[in-house]
């Protein structure tokens, strides 16, 4: 993940399943990279910024649909997805 100044370190990245309440979260490393492992196949929304509270306010993400990536995972998939960060304090 990067912005106009370069890699963004320490940004929260949250993966939200299309159905169900479980979510996965991690933060970016100094190079702006992140990794989420051992995920079940399915459709997800992937978002960066804010904090884990966004998992409890999914409807707020609709305002930032252009910053939310929709991904579909299949068994054995490895997906690389660049993200733009939702501005702090907006969720």
C-alpha atoms as a PDB file:
ATOM      1  CA  UNK A   1       0.000   0.000   0.000  1.00  0.00           C
ATOM      2  CA  UNK A   2       1.301   3.424  -0.851  1.00  0.00           C
ATOM      3  CA  UNK A   3       0.226   7.014  -1.155  1.00  0.00           C
ATOM      4  CA  UNK A   4       1.720  10.019  -2.944  1.00  0.00           C
ATOM      5  CA  UNK A   5       4.598  10.056  -0.422  1.00  0.00           C
ATOM      6  CA  UNK A   6       5.520   6.368  -0.848  1.00  0.00           C
ATOM      7  CA  UNK A   7       4.840   3.168   1.141  1.00  0.00           C
ATOM      8  CA  UNK A   8       2.406   3.424   4.059  1.00  0.00           C
ATOM      9  CA  UNK A   9       3.635   1.537   7.137  1.00  0.00           C
ATOM     10  CA  UNK A  10       1.335   0.505   9.968  1.00  0.00           C
ATOM     11  CA  UNK A  11      -1.966   0.900   8.093  1.00  0.00           C
ATOM     12  CA  UNK A  12      -4.790  -1.394   9.199  1.00  0.00           C
ATOM     13  CA  UNK A  13      -5.981  -3.792   6.473  1.00  0.00           C
ATOM     14  CA  UNK A  14      -9.259  -5.621   7.087  1.00  0.00           C
ATOM     15  CA  UNK A  15     -10.779  -8.461   5.070  1.00  0.00           C
ATOM     16  CA  UNK A  16     -14.558  -8.738   5.514  1.00  0.00           C
ATOM     17  CA  UNK A  17     -16.488 -11.758   4.246  1.00  0.00           C
ATOM     18  CA  UNK A  18     -19.517 -11.048   2.098  1.00  0.00           C
ATOM     19  CA  UNK A  19     -21.563 -13.224   4.439  1.00  0.00           C
ATOM     20  CA  UNK A  20     -20.903 -13.921   8.085  1.00  0.00           C
ATOM     21  CA  UNK A  21     -19.312 -11.869  10.803  1.00  0.00           C
ATOM     22  CA  UNK A  22     -15.749 -13.160  10.922  1.00  0.00           C
ATOM     23  CA  UNK A  23     -13.074 -10.790   9.700  1.00  0.00           C
ATOM     24  CA  UNK A  24      -9.315 -10.885   9.386  1.00  0.00           C
ATOM     25  CA  UNK A  25      -7.075  -7.913  10.087  1.00  0.00           C
ATOM     26  CA  UNK A  26      -3.398  -7.110   9.805  1.00  0.00           C
ATOM     27  CA  UNK A  27      -1.219  -4.061   9.379  1.00  0.00           C
ATOM     28  CA  UNK A  28       1.230  -3.087   6.682  1.00  0.00           C
ATOM     29  CA  UNK A  29       4.965  -3.482   7.168  1.00  0.00           C
ATOM     30  CA  UNK A  30       7.530  -0.681   6.597  1.00  0.00           C
ATOM     31  CA  UNK A  31       7.383  -1.350   2.835  1.00  0.00           C
ATOM     32  CA  UNK A  32       3.587  -1.032   2.745  1.00  0.00           C
ATOM     33  CA  UNK A  33       3.070  -4.788   2.252  1.00  0.00           C
ATOM     34  CA  UNK A  34       0.531  -6.958   4.038  1.00  0.00           C
ATOM     35  CA  UNK A  35      -0.399 -10.626   4.068  1.00  0.00           C
ATOM     36  CA  UNK A  36      -3.494 -12.525   5.162  1.00  0.00           C
ATOM     37  CA  UNK A  37      -3.131 -16.296   5.243  1.00  0.00           C
ATOM     38  CA  UNK A  38      -5.239 -19.427   5.640  1.00  0.00           C
ATOM     39  CA  UNK A  39      -8.423 -17.859   4.322  1.00  0.00           C
ATOM     40  CA  UNK A  40     -11.500 -19.781   3.308  1.00  0.00           C
ATOM     41  CA  UNK A  41     -12.735 -19.595  -0.275  1.00  0.00           C
ATOM     42  CA  UNK A  42     -15.427 -16.978  -0.785  1.00  0.00           C
ATOM     43  CA  UNK A  43     -16.188 -13.371  -1.635  1.00  0.00           C
ATOM     44  CA  UNK A  44     -14.648 -10.640   0.493  1.00  0.00           C
ATOM     45  CA  UNK A  45     -14.310  -6.874   0.785  1.00  0.00           C
ATOM     46  CA  UNK A  46     -10.774  -5.675   1.425  1.00  0.00           C
ATOM     47  CA  UNK A  47     -10.218  -2.241   2.936  1.00  0.00           C
ATOM     48  CA  UNK A  48      -7.322  -0.258   4.388  1.00  0.00           C
ATOM     49  CA  UNK A  49      -7.533   2.519   6.928  1.00  0.00           C
ATOM     50  CA  UNK A  50      -9.547   3.265   9.996  1.00  0.00           C
ATOM     51  CA  UNK A  51      -9.347   0.453  12.517  1.00  0.00           C
ATOM     52  CA  UNK A  52     -10.990  -2.858  13.381  1.00  0.00           C
ATOM     53  CA  UNK A  53     -14.131  -0.958  14.406  1.00  0.00           C
ATOM     54  CA  UNK A  54     -14.937  -0.779  10.695  1.00  0.00           C
ATOM     55  CA  UNK A  55     -15.888  -4.444  10.888  1.00  0.00           C
ATOM     56  CA  UNK A  56     -18.801  -3.392  13.078  1.00  0.00           C
ATOM     57  CA  UNK A  57     -19.856  -0.553  10.766  1.00  0.00           C
ATOM     58  CA  UNK A  58     -19.901  -2.206   7.354  1.00  0.00           C
ATOM     59  CA  UNK A  59     -22.574   0.122   5.999  1.00  0.00           C
ATOM     60  CA  UNK A  60     -20.139   3.038   6.442  1.00  0.00           C
ATOM     61  CA  UNK A  61     -17.897   1.404   3.844  1.00  0.00           C
ATOM     62  CA  UNK A  62     -20.542   2.058   1.173  1.00  0.00           C
ATOM     63  CA  UNK A  63     -19.480   5.729   1.183  1.00  0.00           C
ATOM     64  CA  UNK A  64     -15.956   4.643   0.223  1.00  0.00           C
ATOM     65  CA  UNK A  65     -16.795   1.994  -2.366  1.00  0.00           C
ATOM     66  CA  UNK A  66     -14.072   3.365  -4.656  1.00  0.00           C
ATOM     67  CA  UNK A  67     -11.509   2.537  -1.926  1.00  0.00           C
ATOM     68  CA  UNK A  68     -12.872  -0.933  -1.134  1.00  0.00           C
ATOM     69  CA  UNK A  69     -11.623  -3.883  -3.175  1.00  0.00           C
ATOM     70  CA  UNK A  70     -13.942  -6.808  -3.779  1.00  0.00           C
ATOM     71  CA  UNK A  71     -12.102 -10.107  -4.141  1.00  0.00           C
ATOM     72  CA  UNK A  72     -13.174 -13.698  -4.663  1.00  0.00           C
ATOM     73  CA  UNK A  73     -10.889 -16.378  -3.281  1.00  0.00           C
ATOM     74  CA  UNK A  74     -10.707 -19.967  -4.459  1.00  0.00           C
ATOM     75  CA  UNK A  75      -8.729 -22.789  -2.857  1.00  0.00           C
ATOM     76  CA  UNK A  76      -5.010 -22.219  -3.420  1.00  0.00           C
ATOM     77  CA  UNK A  77      -5.386 -18.632  -4.681  1.00  0.00           C
ATOM     78  CA  UNK A  78      -2.702 -16.030  -4.078  1.00  0.00           C
ATOM     79  CA  UNK A  79      -3.990 -12.536  -4.792  1.00  0.00           C
ATOM     80  CA  UNK A  80      -2.027  -9.306  -4.896  1.00  0.00           C
ATOM     81  CA  UNK A  81      -4.219  -6.262  -4.303  1.00  0.00           C
ATOM     82  CA  UNK A  82      -2.978  -2.685  -4.005  1.00  0.00           C
ATOM     83  CA  UNK A  83      -5.168  -0.528  -1.773  1.00  0.00           C
ATOM     84  CA  UNK A  84      -5.832   3.144  -1.167  1.00  0.00           C
ATOM     85  CA  UNK A  85      -6.270   4.148   2.453  1.00  0.00           C
ATOM     86  CA  UNK A  86      -9.562   5.502   3.774  1.00  0.00           C
ATOM     87  CA  UNK A  87      -8.722   8.789   5.512  1.00  0.00           C
ATOM     88  CA  UNK A  88      -8.281   8.531   9.282  1.00  0.00           C
ATOM     89  CA  UNK A  89     -11.383   9.264  11.338  1.00  0.00           C
ATOM     90  CA  UNK A  90     -13.804   8.762   8.449  1.00  0.00           C
ATOM     91  CA  UNK A  91     -15.344   5.487   9.689  1.00  0.00           C
END
